[in-house]
Amino acid sequence: MAVVTVTYSPGASLGEFLESLAKATDRPYRVVLVDNGSTDGAPEAAAAVHTDVELLRTGENMGYGAAANRGIAGLGPEVG
């Protein structure tokens, strides 16, 4: 299972979200966390703590749709 999520300076809510995924399933999963130009350090902190998170930085706030598409493309051909 794969989850793509887009963030922009999410603060503590990002860690809470990632913890909720771990509680929601017993299946293996992968998270592509698309950082849409955050300045709060939360995406980096989350990726350091959660080994199932792949951090993908956009380098800027490119908007939700473009960032989500970038994350989906980051899943690779084996997903979908």
Protein backbone atom coordinates (compact mmCIF):
# COMPACT_ATOMS: atom_id res chain seq x y z
CA MET A 1 0.00 0.00 0.00
CA ALA A 2 1.24 3.50 -0.74
CA VAL A 3 0.17 6.86 0.65
CA VAL A 4 1.04 10.18 -0.96
CA THR A 5 0.59 13.26 1.19
CA VAL A 6 1.41 16.90 0.51
CA THR A 7 2.57 19.16 3.33
CA TYR A 8 3.34 22.82 3.84
CA SER A 9 4.69 23.65 7.31
CA PRO A 10 2.37 21.13 9.00
CA GLY A 11 3.79 21.38 12.52
CA ALA A 12 2.92 18.66 15.04
CA SER A 13 -0.07 17.47 13.02
CA LEU A 14 2.26 15.67 10.59
CA GLY A 15 3.59 13.36 13.28
CA GLU A 16 0.05 12.69 14.49
CA PHE A 17 -1.03 11.85 10.94
CA LEU A 18 1.85 9.42 10.45
CA GLU A 19 1.15 7.74 13.79
CA SER A 20 -2.49 7.31 12.77
CA LEU A 21 -1.41 5.43 9.63
CA ALA A 22 0.55 2.96 11.74
CA LYS A 23 -2.56 2.33 13.85
CA ALA A 24 -4.93 2.09 10.87
CA THR A 25 -3.41 -0.97 9.20
CA ASP A 26 -1.27 -3.99 9.84
CA ARG A 27 -0.29 -4.18 6.17
CA PRO A 28 3.11 -2.93 5.04
CA TYR A 29 2.91 0.55 3.59
CA ARG A 30 5.05 3.26 2.15
CA VAL A 31 4.53 7.01 2.54
CA VAL A 32 5.69 9.56 -0.01
CA LEU A 33 5.72 12.85 1.85
CA VAL A 34 5.80 15.71 -0.64
CA ASP A 35 7.16 18.81 1.08
CA ASN A 36 5.70 21.81 -0.70
CA GLY A 37 8.22 24.38 0.56
CA SER A 38 7.82 24.00 4.33
CA THR A 39 9.81 26.25 6.63
CA ASP A 40 9.04 24.60 9.99
CA GLY A 41 11.30 21.53 9.77
CA ALA A 42 8.41 19.14 10.43
CA PRO A 43 8.81 17.07 7.23
CA GLU A 44 12.51 16.47 7.91
CA ALA A 45 11.82 15.56 11.54
CA ALA A 46 9.06 13.15 10.51
CA ALA A 47 11.24 11.45 7.89
CA ALA A 48 14.01 11.02 10.48
CA VAL A 49 11.65 9.28 12.93
CA HIS A 50 9.46 7.27 10.53
CA THR A 51 11.48 4.85 8.42
CA ASP A 52 8.50 4.19 6.13
CA VAL A 53 8.48 7.84 4.96
CA GLU A 54 10.21 8.96 1.79
CA LEU A 55 10.64 12.75 1.79
CA LEU A 56 10.28 14.37 -1.61
CA ARG A 57 11.05 18.10 -1.62
CA THR A 58 9.54 20.31 -4.31
CA GLY A 59 11.80 23.26 -3.48
CA GLU A 60 8.87 25.66 -3.57
CA ASN A 61 5.14 25.84 -2.95
CA MET A 62 3.96 24.62 -6.33
CA GLY A 63 0.33 24.16 -5.28
CA TYR A 64 -1.45 21.08 -4.02
CA GLY A 65 -2.30 19.48 -7.37
CA ALA A 66 1.18 19.77 -8.86
CA ALA A 67 2.78 18.52 -5.64
CA ALA A 68 0.37 15.57 -5.44
CA ASN A 69 1.18 14.67 -9.04
CA ARG A 70 4.90 14.84 -8.25
CA GLY A 71 4.35 12.46 -5.33
CA ILE A 72 2.36 10.02 -7.45
CA ALA A 73 5.10 10.06 -10.07
CA GLY A 74 7.56 9.30 -7.27
CA LEU A 75 5.78 6.03 -6.52
CA GLY A 76 7.24 4.42 -9.61
CA PRO A 77 5.74 1.91 -12.04
CA GLU A 78 5.32 -0.89 -9.48
CA VAL A 79 2.43 1.01 -7.84
CA GLY A 80 -0.80 1.50 -9.72
